[in-house]
Amino acid sequence: MGETLDKAVTLKKSAYYPQVAAIASYWRNGDSPLADSNDFENDHNAALIVQATWTVFDGNKTRSRVGQAASEKRAHDQAIREVKDRLRVDIKSAWLNLGVAENTIKTAGDAVAQAEENLRITRLAYRQEAATSTEVLDARTDLTDARTRYYQALYGYLDAMAVLDRAVGRTTVYEKDLNTNP
């Protein structure tokens, strides 16, 4: 598209210069199918026409047309730069979000390990009658919450990976499956 706009500017600038046209033709006249005999001596005819046109004053129409074409070219170039900048930001943001999601998984995994250990200790204390059943249920609830946060972190990671894939133009496995006909 940019190359086409460059050529449009050049085309508009061409109105500053004379336009030259040349037309040539050749023909035969005659009474026979080969057109080689007639009542006149000119059975072979040719013509050459050269025409030059140059608009000396056009009320600055050419200048405004060239300016408009150049402005369209600049607008196109600016739009391309904006798309590239936005894409660069989207990719960087997706990459950073992926890093955050990885850290969240690690943190959630550590929380699951701590909740499992807390449940183990609370069960031991319950067996020795040092803890109540409510404390065991609370420890079990804490473990369930920790596991839920862990799986949410995994989901966040997969979501961040999909956003990154989309930002860099990769088709994810799930999109491929959706685009195929059963």
N, C-alpha and C. Protein backbone atom coordinates (compact mmCIF):
# COMPACT_ATOMS: atom_id res chain seq x y z
N MET A 1 0.83 -1.18 0.00
CA MET A 1 0.00 0.00 0.00
C MET A 1 0.87 1.25 0.00
N GLY A 2 1.97 1.23 0.76
CA GLY A 2 2.87 2.38 0.82
C GLY A 2 3.48 2.68 -0.53
N GLU A 3 3.85 1.62 -1.26
CA GLU A 3 4.43 1.81 -2.59
C GLU A 3 3.40 2.40 -3.54
N THR A 4 2.16 1.97 -3.42
CA THR A 4 1.09 2.51 -4.26
C THR A 4 0.90 3.99 -3.97
N LEU A 5 0.97 4.39 -2.71
CA LEU A 5 0.82 5.80 -2.36
C LEU A 5 2.01 6.61 -2.86
N ASP A 6 3.21 6.04 -2.84
CA ASP A 6 4.37 6.74 -3.42
C ASP A 6 4.15 7.00 -4.90
N LYS A 7 3.64 6.00 -5.58
CA LYS A 7 3.38 6.16 -7.02
C LYS A 7 2.26 7.17 -7.26
N ALA A 8 1.29 7.24 -6.37
CA ALA A 8 0.21 8.22 -6.52
C ALA A 8 0.76 9.64 -6.39
N VAL A 9 1.70 9.86 -5.47
CA VAL A 9 2.32 11.18 -5.34
C VAL A 9 3.09 11.51 -6.61
N THR A 10 3.86 10.56 -7.13
CA THR A 10 4.61 10.77 -8.36
C THR A 10 3.67 11.08 -9.52
N LEU A 11 2.57 10.37 -9.60
CA LEU A 11 1.59 10.61 -10.66
C LEU A 11 1.01 12.01 -10.57
N LYS A 12 0.70 12.45 -9.36
CA LYS A 12 0.16 13.81 -9.19
C LYS A 12 1.20 14.85 -9.57
N LYS A 13 2.48 14.60 -9.26
CA LYS A 13 3.54 15.53 -9.62
C LYS A 13 3.75 15.61 -11.12
N SER A 14 3.38 14.57 -11.84
CA SER A 14 3.58 14.57 -13.29
C SER A 14 2.76 15.64 -13.98
N ALA A 15 1.74 16.19 -13.34
CA ALA A 15 0.95 17.26 -13.93
C ALA A 15 1.75 18.55 -14.05
N TYR A 16 2.90 18.66 -13.36
CA TYR A 16 3.76 19.83 -13.51
C TYR A 16 4.46 19.87 -14.87
N TYR A 17 4.56 18.75 -15.53
CA TYR A 17 5.34 18.63 -16.76
C TYR A 17 4.42 18.47 -17.96
N PRO A 18 4.95 18.74 -19.15
CA PRO A 18 4.11 18.56 -20.35
C PRO A 18 3.76 17.08 -20.56
N GLN A 19 2.61 16.88 -21.12
CA GLN A 19 2.18 15.53 -21.47
C GLN A 19 2.34 15.38 -22.97
N VAL A 20 3.02 14.35 -23.38
CA VAL A 20 3.30 14.12 -24.79
C VAL A 20 2.64 12.82 -25.20
N ALA A 21 1.96 12.87 -26.33
CA ALA A 21 1.32 11.67 -26.88
C ALA A 21 1.74 11.53 -28.33
N ALA A 22 1.99 10.31 -28.75
CA ALA A 22 2.34 10.03 -30.15
C ALA A 22 1.40 8.94 -30.65
N ILE A 23 0.84 9.17 -31.82
CA ILE A 23 -0.07 8.21 -32.44
C ILE A 23 0.45 7.93 -33.84
N ALA A 24 0.62 6.68 -34.17
CA ALA A 24 1.08 6.30 -35.50
C ALA A 24 0.09 5.30 -36.07
N SER A 25 -0.13 5.41 -37.36
CA SER A 25 -1.02 4.45 -38.00
C SER A 25 -0.55 4.18 -39.42
N TYR A 26 -0.91 3.03 -39.90
CA TYR A 26 -0.58 2.61 -41.26
C TYR A 26 -1.80 1.90 -41.83
N TRP A 27 -2.12 2.18 -43.08
CA TRP A 27 -3.25 1.51 -43.71
C TRP A 27 -3.05 1.43 -45.20
N ARG A 28 -3.79 0.54 -45.81
CA ARG A 28 -3.73 0.34 -47.26
C ARG A 28 -5.14 0.49 -47.81
N ASN A 29 -5.23 1.07 -48.97
CA ASN A 29 -6.50 1.21 -49.69
C ASN A 29 -6.40 0.47 -51.02
N GLY A 30 -7.44 -0.22 -51.35
CA GLY A 30 -7.43 -0.88 -52.65
C GLY A 30 -8.74 -1.57 -52.94
N ASP A 31 -8.88 -2.00 -54.21
CA ASP A 31 -10.11 -2.65 -54.64
C ASP A 31 -10.07 -4.16 -54.43
N SER A 32 -8.93 -4.72 -54.30
CA SER A 32 -8.81 -6.17 -54.15
C SER A 32 -8.71 -6.51 -52.66
N PRO A 33 -8.87 -7.80 -52.30
CA PRO A 33 -8.73 -8.20 -50.89
C PRO A 33 -7.36 -7.89 -50.30
N LEU A 34 -6.33 -7.87 -51.08
CA LEU A 34 -5.00 -7.54 -50.57
C LEU A 34 -4.77 -6.03 -50.51
N ALA A 35 -5.72 -5.25 -51.01
CA ALA A 35 -5.63 -3.79 -51.03
C ALA A 35 -4.36 -3.34 -51.72
N ASP A 36 -4.08 -3.95 -52.86
CA ASP A 36 -2.86 -3.57 -53.57
C ASP A 36 -3.13 -2.84 -54.88
N SER A 37 -4.36 -2.59 -55.21
CA SER A 37 -4.65 -1.82 -56.42
C SER A 37 -5.83 -0.89 -56.16
N ASN A 38 -5.67 0.34 -56.61
CA ASN A 38 -6.76 1.30 -56.55
C ASN A 38 -6.57 2.31 -57.65
N ASP A 39 -7.49 3.23 -57.78
CA ASP A 39 -7.43 4.22 -58.87
C ASP A 39 -6.40 5.31 -58.57
N PHE A 40 -5.86 5.32 -57.41
CA PHE A 40 -4.90 6.36 -57.03
C PHE A 40 -3.53 5.74 -56.82
N GLU A 41 -2.56 6.52 -56.73
CA GLU A 41 -1.20 6.04 -56.55
C GLU A 41 -0.87 5.71 -55.09
N ASN A 42 -1.72 6.07 -54.17
CA ASN A 42 -1.39 5.93 -52.76
C ASN A 42 -2.07 4.71 -52.14
N ASP A 43 -1.64 3.53 -52.50
CA ASP A 43 -2.24 2.35 -51.87
C ASP A 43 -1.60 2.05 -50.51
N HIS A 44 -0.46 2.64 -50.17
CA HIS A 44 0.17 2.53 -48.85
C HIS A 44 0.10 3.90 -48.19
N ASN A 45 -0.52 3.96 -47.02
CA ASN A 45 -0.68 5.23 -46.33
C ASN A 45 -0.16 5.11 -44.89
N ALA A 46 0.38 6.18 -44.38
CA ALA A 46 0.87 6.22 -43.00
C ALA A 46 0.64 7.62 -42.45
N ALA A 47 0.47 7.65 -41.13
CA ALA A 47 0.31 8.94 -40.47
C ALA A 47 1.00 8.89 -39.12
N LEU A 48 1.59 9.99 -38.72
CA LEU A 48 2.22 10.12 -37.42
C LEU A 48 1.75 11.44 -36.81
N ILE A 49 1.18 11.34 -35.63
CA ILE A 49 0.68 12.53 -34.95
C ILE A 49 1.40 12.62 -33.61
N VAL A 50 1.96 13.77 -33.32
CA VAL A 50 2.59 14.03 -32.03
C VAL A 50 1.86 15.21 -31.41
N GLN A 51 1.47 15.01 -30.15
CA GLN A 51 0.72 16.06 -29.48
C GLN A 51 1.37 16.33 -28.13
N ALA A 52 1.56 17.57 -27.81
CA ALA A 52 2.10 17.96 -26.51
C ALA A 52 1.11 18.92 -25.85
N THR A 53 0.83 18.64 -24.56
CA THR A 53 -0.10 19.48 -23.81
C THR A 53 0.58 19.89 -22.52
N TRP A 54 0.51 21.17 -22.21
CA TRP A 54 1.11 21.65 -20.98
C TRP A 54 0.22 22.74 -20.41
N THR A 55 -0.30 22.46 -19.25
CA THR A 55 -1.15 23.45 -18.59
C THR A 55 -0.24 24.38 -17.80
N VAL A 56 -0.19 25.63 -18.23
CA VAL A 56 0.71 26.59 -17.61
C VAL A 56 0.13 27.10 -16.29
N PHE A 57 -1.15 27.39 -16.26
CA PHE A 57 -1.77 27.90 -15.04
C PHE A 57 -3.04 27.09 -14.78
N ASP A 58 -3.09 26.46 -13.62
CA ASP A 58 -4.27 25.66 -13.27
C ASP A 58 -4.86 26.08 -11.94
N GLY A 59 -4.55 27.27 -11.49
CA GLY A 59 -5.10 27.75 -10.23
C GLY A 59 -4.61 26.97 -9.03
N ASN A 60 -3.38 26.46 -9.08
CA ASN A 60 -2.75 25.69 -7.99
C ASN A 60 -3.46 24.36 -7.72
N LYS A 61 -4.21 23.86 -8.68
CA LYS A 61 -4.88 22.57 -8.50
C LYS A 61 -3.85 21.45 -8.38
N THR A 62 -2.82 21.51 -9.21
CA THR A 62 -1.80 20.47 -9.18
C THR A 62 -1.10 20.45 -7.83
N ARG A 63 -0.75 21.61 -7.32
CA ARG A 63 -0.07 21.69 -6.03
C ARG A 63 -0.95 21.11 -4.92
N SER A 64 -2.24 21.43 -4.95
CA SER A 64 -3.12 20.90 -3.90
C SER A 64 -3.31 19.40 -4.05
N ARG A 65 -3.36 18.90 -5.28
CA ARG A 65 -3.49 17.45 -5.49
C ARG A 65 -2.23 16.72 -5.02
N VAL A 66 -1.07 17.30 -5.31
CA VAL A 66 0.19 16.70 -4.84
C VAL A 66 0.23 16.73 -3.32
N GLY A 67 -0.18 17.83 -2.71
CA GLY A 67 -0.21 17.94 -1.26
C GLY A 67 -1.17 16.94 -0.63
N GLN A 68 -2.31 16.75 -1.26
CA GLN A 68 -3.28 15.78 -0.74
C GLN A 68 -2.72 14.36 -0.82
N ALA A 69 -2.10 14.02 -1.95
CA ALA A 69 -1.52 12.68 -2.10
C ALA A 69 -0.39 12.47 -1.09
N ALA A 70 0.44 13.49 -0.89
CA ALA A 70 1.53 13.38 0.09
C ALA A 70 0.96 13.25 1.51
N SER A 71 -0.11 13.98 1.79
CA SER A 71 -0.75 13.89 3.10
C SER A 71 -1.32 12.49 3.33
N GLU A 72 -1.93 11.90 2.33
CA GLU A 72 -2.46 10.53 2.45
C GLU A 72 -1.32 9.56 2.69
N LYS A 73 -0.20 9.77 2.04
CA LYS A 73 0.97 8.90 2.24
C LYS A 73 1.49 9.03 3.67
N ARG A 74 1.58 10.26 4.18
CA ARG A 74 2.05 10.46 5.56
C ARG A 74 1.07 9.83 6.56
N ALA A 75 -0.23 9.97 6.31
CA ALA A 75 -1.24 9.38 7.21
C ALA A 75 -1.12 7.86 7.21
N HIS A 76 -0.89 7.28 6.05
CA HIS A 76 -0.72 5.82 5.97
C HIS A 76 0.53 5.39 6.74
N ASP A 77 1.63 6.11 6.54
CA ASP A 77 2.87 5.77 7.25
C ASP A 77 2.70 5.89 8.76
N GLN A 78 1.98 6.93 9.20
CA GLN A 78 1.73 7.12 10.63
C GLN A 78 0.87 5.98 11.18
N ALA A 79 -0.14 5.56 10.42
CA ALA A 79 -1.00 4.44 10.86
C ALA A 79 -0.18 3.16 11.00
N ILE A 80 0.73 2.93 10.08
CA ILE A 80 1.60 1.73 10.15
C ILE A 80 2.48 1.81 11.40
N ARG A 81 3.06 2.99 11.66
CA ARG A 81 3.90 3.14 12.85
C ARG A 81 3.09 2.90 14.13
N GLU A 82 1.86 3.40 14.16
CA GLU A 82 1.02 3.21 15.35
C GLU A 82 0.69 1.73 15.57
N VAL A 83 0.40 1.02 14.49
CA VAL A 83 0.10 -0.42 14.62
C VAL A 83 1.34 -1.16 15.12
N LYS A 84 2.50 -0.82 14.59
CA LYS A 84 3.73 -1.47 15.05
C LYS A 84 4.00 -1.17 16.53
N ASP A 85 3.80 0.08 16.92
CA ASP A 85 4.02 0.45 18.33
C ASP A 85 3.04 -0.29 19.24
N ARG A 86 1.77 -0.34 18.84
CA ARG A 86 0.76 -1.02 19.64
C ARG A 86 1.08 -2.50 19.75
N LEU A 87 1.53 -3.10 18.65
CA LEU A 87 1.90 -4.51 18.66
C LEU A 87 3.09 -4.75 19.58
N ARG A 88 4.07 -3.84 19.53
CA ARG A 88 5.24 -3.96 20.41
C ARG A 88 4.81 -3.90 21.88
N VAL A 89 3.91 -2.98 22.21
CA VAL A 89 3.43 -2.86 23.58
C VAL A 89 2.64 -4.10 23.99
N ASP A 90 1.79 -4.60 23.10
CA ASP A 90 1.00 -5.79 23.40
C ASP A 90 1.90 -7.00 23.68
N ILE A 91 2.93 -7.16 22.87
CA ILE A 91 3.84 -8.30 23.06
C ILE A 91 4.59 -8.16 24.38
N LYS A 92 5.10 -6.97 24.66
CA LYS A 92 5.85 -6.78 25.91
C LYS A 92 4.95 -6.99 27.12
N SER A 93 3.74 -6.46 27.06
CA SER A 93 2.79 -6.62 28.16
C SER A 93 2.45 -8.09 28.37
N ALA A 94 2.20 -8.81 27.27
CA ALA A 94 1.88 -10.24 27.37
C ALA A 94 3.06 -11.01 27.96
N TRP A 95 4.27 -10.66 27.56
CA TRP A 95 5.47 -11.33 28.07
C TRP A 95 5.61 -11.09 29.58
N LEU A 96 5.41 -9.84 30.00
CA LEU A 96 5.50 -9.53 31.43
C LEU A 96 4.40 -10.23 32.23
N ASN A 97 3.19 -10.28 31.68
CA ASN A 97 2.10 -10.98 32.36
C ASN A 97 2.39 -12.47 32.48
N LEU A 98 3.06 -13.04 31.50
CA LEU A 98 3.43 -14.44 31.56
C LEU A 98 4.42 -14.67 32.71
N GLY A 99 5.37 -13.75 32.86
CA GLY A 99 6.32 -13.86 33.98
C GLY A 99 5.63 -13.75 35.33
N VAL A 100 4.67 -12.84 35.43
CA VAL A 100 3.91 -12.70 36.68
C VAL A 100 3.15 -13.99 36.97
N ALA A 101 2.54 -14.57 35.91
CA ALA A 101 1.77 -15.81 36.10
C ALA A 101 2.68 -16.95 36.56
N GLU A 102 3.91 -17.02 36.05
CA GLU A 102 4.84 -18.06 36.50
C GLU A 102 5.16 -17.89 37.98
N ASN A 103 5.39 -16.65 38.40
CA ASN A 103 5.67 -16.40 39.82
C ASN A 103 4.46 -16.73 40.69
N THR A 104 3.28 -16.44 40.18
CA THR A 104 2.06 -16.74 40.93
C THR A 104 1.90 -18.24 41.12
N ILE A 105 2.24 -19.03 40.10
CA ILE A 105 2.16 -20.49 40.21
C ILE A 105 3.12 -20.98 41.30
N LYS A 106 4.34 -20.44 41.28
CA LYS A 106 5.32 -20.86 42.29
C LYS A 106 4.83 -20.52 43.69
N THR A 107 4.33 -19.31 43.86
CA THR A 107 3.83 -18.89 45.17
C THR A 107 2.65 -19.75 45.60
N ALA A 108 1.73 -20.02 44.67
CA ALA A 108 0.56 -20.84 45.01
C ALA A 108 0.98 -22.27 45.32
N GLY A 109 1.98 -22.78 44.62
CA GLY A 109 2.49 -24.13 44.92
C GLY A 109 3.09 -24.20 46.32
N ASP A 110 3.83 -23.15 46.70
CA ASP A 110 4.39 -23.11 48.06
C ASP A 110 3.27 -23.06 49.10
N ALA A 111 2.21 -22.31 48.79
CA ALA A 111 1.07 -22.21 49.72
C ALA A 111 0.38 -23.57 49.87
N VAL A 112 0.29 -24.33 48.79
CA VAL A 112 -0.31 -25.67 48.86
C VAL A 112 0.55 -26.57 49.76
N ALA A 113 1.85 -26.50 49.58
CA ALA A 113 2.75 -27.33 50.40
C ALA A 113 2.62 -26.95 51.88
N GLN A 114 2.51 -25.67 52.17
CA GLN A 114 2.36 -25.24 53.56
C GLN A 114 1.01 -25.69 54.13
N ALA A 115 -0.04 -25.60 53.30
CA ALA A 115 -1.37 -26.01 53.77
C ALA A 115 -1.40 -27.52 54.01
N GLU A 116 -0.73 -28.30 53.15
CA GLU A 116 -0.67 -29.75 53.36
C GLU A 116 0.06 -30.07 54.66
N GLU A 117 1.16 -29.37 54.90
CA GLU A 117 1.92 -29.59 56.14
C GLU A 117 1.09 -29.18 57.36
N ASN A 118 0.37 -28.07 57.26
CA ASN A 118 -0.48 -27.63 58.36
C ASN A 118 -1.57 -28.66 58.65
N LEU A 119 -2.17 -29.21 57.59
CA LEU A 119 -3.20 -30.24 57.78
C LEU A 119 -2.59 -31.48 58.45
N ARG A 120 -1.40 -31.89 58.02
CA ARG A 120 -0.74 -33.06 58.62
C ARG A 120 -0.48 -32.84 60.11
N ILE A 121 0.02 -31.67 60.44
CA ILE A 121 0.32 -31.36 61.85
C ILE A 121 -0.97 -31.28 62.66
N THR A 122 -2.01 -30.66 62.09
CA THR A 122 -3.29 -30.54 62.80
C THR A 122 -3.92 -31.90 63.02
N ARG A 123 -3.82 -32.82 62.07
CA ARG A 123 -4.35 -34.18 62.24
C ARG A 123 -3.60 -34.92 63.35
N LEU A 124 -2.27 -34.75 63.37
CA LEU A 124 -1.49 -35.38 64.45
C LEU A 124 -1.90 -34.83 65.81
N ALA A 125 -2.10 -33.53 65.86
CA ALA A 125 -2.53 -32.91 67.12
C ALA A 125 -3.92 -33.40 67.51
N TYR A 126 -4.78 -33.61 66.55
CA TYR A 126 -6.14 -34.11 66.83
C TYR A 126 -6.08 -35.54 67.38
N ARG A 127 -5.21 -36.36 66.80
CA ARG A 127 -5.06 -37.75 67.28
C ARG A 127 -4.55 -37.79 68.73
N GLN A 128 -3.76 -36.79 69.06
CA GLN A 128 -3.24 -36.74 70.43
C GLN A 128 -4.13 -35.87 71.32
N GLU A 129 -5.29 -35.50 70.81
CA GLU A 129 -6.30 -34.71 71.51
C GLU A 129 -5.78 -33.34 71.92
N ALA A 130 -4.89 -32.80 71.07
CA ALA A 130 -4.37 -31.45 71.32
C ALA A 130 -5.04 -30.43 70.41
N ALA A 131 -5.88 -30.91 69.47
CA ALA A 131 -6.60 -30.02 68.55
C ALA A 131 -8.02 -30.52 68.42
N THR A 132 -8.92 -29.62 68.04
CA THR A 132 -10.33 -29.99 67.90
C THR A 132 -10.62 -30.36 66.45
N SER A 133 -11.80 -30.95 66.24
CA SER A 133 -12.20 -31.30 64.87
C SER A 133 -12.43 -30.05 64.04
N THR A 134 -12.80 -28.97 64.67
CA THR A 134 -12.98 -27.70 63.94
C THR A 134 -11.65 -27.22 63.38
N GLU A 135 -10.59 -27.39 64.15
CA GLU A 135 -9.26 -26.98 63.67
C GLU A 135 -8.84 -27.86 62.49
N VAL A 136 -9.18 -29.14 62.53
CA VAL A 136 -8.87 -30.03 61.40
C VAL A 136 -9.66 -29.58 60.17
N LEU A 137 -10.95 -29.27 60.35
CA LEU A 137 -11.78 -28.81 59.24
C LEU A 137 -11.26 -27.49 58.68
N ASP A 138 -10.82 -26.60 59.56
CA ASP A 138 -10.24 -25.33 59.11
C ASP A 138 -8.97 -25.57 58.29
N ALA A 139 -8.12 -26.50 58.74
CA ALA A 139 -6.89 -26.82 58.01
C ALA A 139 -7.22 -27.42 56.65
N ARG A 140 -8.26 -28.27 56.63
CA ARG A 140 -8.70 -28.89 55.37
C ARG A 140 -9.25 -27.81 54.42
N THR A 141 -10.00 -26.86 54.95
CA THR A 141 -10.53 -25.76 54.14
C THR A 141 -9.40 -24.89 53.60
N ASP A 142 -8.40 -24.64 54.45
CA ASP A 142 -7.24 -23.86 54.00
C ASP A 142 -6.52 -24.57 52.85
N LEU A 143 -6.40 -25.89 52.94
CA LEU A 143 -5.76 -26.66 51.87
C LEU A 143 -6.58 -26.57 50.58
N THR A 144 -7.89 -26.69 50.71
CA THR A 144 -8.75 -26.58 49.52
C THR A 144 -8.63 -25.20 48.89
N ASP A 145 -8.60 -24.16 49.72
CA ASP A 145 -8.44 -22.80 49.20
C ASP A 145 -7.07 -22.64 48.51
N ALA A 146 -6.03 -23.20 49.11
CA ALA A 146 -4.69 -23.10 48.52
C ALA A 146 -4.65 -23.82 47.17
N ARG A 147 -5.27 -24.98 47.09
CA ARG A 147 -5.31 -25.71 45.81
C ARG A 147 -6.12 -24.95 44.77
N THR A 148 -7.21 -24.33 45.21
CA THR A 148 -8.02 -23.54 44.28
C THR A 148 -7.20 -22.38 43.73
N ARG A 149 -6.47 -21.69 44.60
CA ARG A 149 -5.61 -20.59 44.14
C ARG A 149 -4.52 -21.10 43.20
N TYR A 150 -4.01 -22.30 43.46
CA TYR A 150 -2.99 -22.88 42.59
C TYR A 150 -3.55 -23.13 41.19
N TYR A 151 -4.74 -23.73 41.13
CA TYR A 151 -5.33 -24.00 39.82
C TYR A 151 -5.75 -22.71 39.11
N GLN A 152 -6.14 -21.71 39.87
CA GLN A 152 -6.41 -20.41 39.27
C GLN A 152 -5.13 -19.80 38.70
N ALA A 153 -4.03 -20.01 39.39
CA ALA A 153 -2.74 -19.52 38.90
C ALA A 153 -2.35 -20.26 37.62
N LEU A 154 -2.60 -21.57 37.57
CA LEU A 154 -2.34 -22.32 36.33
C LEU A 154 -3.19 -21.79 35.18
N TYR A 155 -4.46 -21.53 35.47
CA TYR A 155 -5.35 -20.97 34.46
C TYR A 155 -4.82 -19.61 34.00
N GLY A 156 -4.38 -18.78 34.96
CA GLY A 156 -3.83 -17.47 34.61
C GLY A 156 -2.61 -17.59 33.72
N TYR A 157 -1.77 -18.60 33.99
CA TYR A 157 -0.60 -18.83 33.17
C TYR A 157 -1.00 -19.21 31.74
N LEU A 158 -1.95 -20.14 31.63
CA LEU A 158 -2.40 -20.56 30.29
C LEU A 158 -3.06 -19.41 29.54
N ASP A 159 -3.80 -18.59 30.27
CA ASP A 159 -4.42 -17.42 29.66
C ASP A 159 -3.35 -16.44 29.18
N ALA A 160 -2.34 -16.20 30.00
CA ALA A 160 -1.25 -15.30 29.61
C ALA A 160 -0.49 -15.86 28.42
N MET A 161 -0.31 -17.17 28.37
CA MET A 161 0.37 -17.80 27.23
C MET A 161 -0.46 -17.62 25.95
N ALA A 162 -1.77 -17.76 26.06
CA ALA A 162 -2.64 -17.58 24.89
C ALA A 162 -2.60 -16.14 24.40
N VAL A 163 -2.57 -15.18 25.34
CA VAL A 163 -2.49 -13.77 24.96
C VAL A 163 -1.16 -13.50 24.26
N LEU A 164 -0.08 -14.07 24.76
CA LEU A 164 1.23 -13.90 24.12
C LEU A 164 1.23 -14.53 22.73
N ASP A 165 0.69 -15.74 22.61
CA ASP A 165 0.62 -16.39 21.30
C ASP A 165 -0.15 -15.53 20.30
N ARG A 166 -1.23 -14.99 20.75
CA ARG A 166 -2.04 -14.14 19.86
C ARG A 166 -1.29 -12.87 19.48
N ALA A 167 -0.57 -12.28 20.44
CA ALA A 167 0.17 -11.04 20.19
C ALA A 167 1.28 -11.25 19.16
N VAL A 168 1.93 -12.42 19.20
CA VAL A 168 3.00 -12.68 18.24
C VAL A 168 2.50 -13.34 16.97
N GLY A 169 1.19 -13.61 16.90
CA GLY A 169 0.60 -14.14 15.67
C GLY A 169 0.59 -15.64 15.57
N ARG A 170 0.87 -16.35 16.66
CA ARG A 170 0.81 -17.80 16.63
C ARG A 170 -0.61 -18.26 16.86
N THR A 171 -1.01 -19.30 16.16
CA THR A 171 -2.32 -19.90 16.37
C THR A 171 -2.19 -20.94 17.46
N THR A 172 -3.04 -20.85 18.46
CA THR A 172 -2.98 -21.81 19.55
C THR A 172 -3.62 -23.12 19.11
N VAL A 173 -3.35 -24.17 19.85
CA VAL A 173 -3.91 -25.49 19.55
C VAL A 173 -5.43 -25.43 19.56
N TYR A 174 -5.99 -24.67 20.51
CA TYR A 174 -7.44 -24.61 20.65
C TYR A 174 -8.07 -23.88 19.47
N GLU A 175 -7.41 -22.83 18.96
CA GLU A 175 -7.94 -22.13 17.79
C GLU A 175 -7.92 -23.02 16.57
N LYS A 176 -6.86 -23.84 16.45
CA LYS A 176 -6.80 -24.78 15.33
C LYS A 176 -7.97 -25.75 15.39
N ASP A 177 -8.26 -26.24 16.61
CA ASP A 177 -9.38 -27.16 16.76
C ASP A 177 -10.70 -26.51 16.42
N LEU A 178 -10.86 -25.24 16.77
CA LEU A 178 -12.11 -24.54 16.51
C LEU A 178 -12.31 -24.25 15.02
N ASN A 179 -11.19 -24.08 14.29
CA ASN A 179 -11.27 -23.73 12.88
C ASN A 179 -11.43 -24.92 11.95
N THR A 180 -11.32 -26.13 12.47
CA THR A 180 -11.48 -27.31 11.62
C THR A 180 -12.93 -27.76 11.64
N ASN A 181 -13.36 -28.25 10.50
CA ASN A 181 -14.75 -28.72 10.41
C ASN A 181 -14.82 -30.17 10.90
N PRO A 182 -15.85 -30.48 11.69
CA PRO A 182 -15.97 -31.86 12.21
C PRO A 182 -16.37 -32.83 11.11
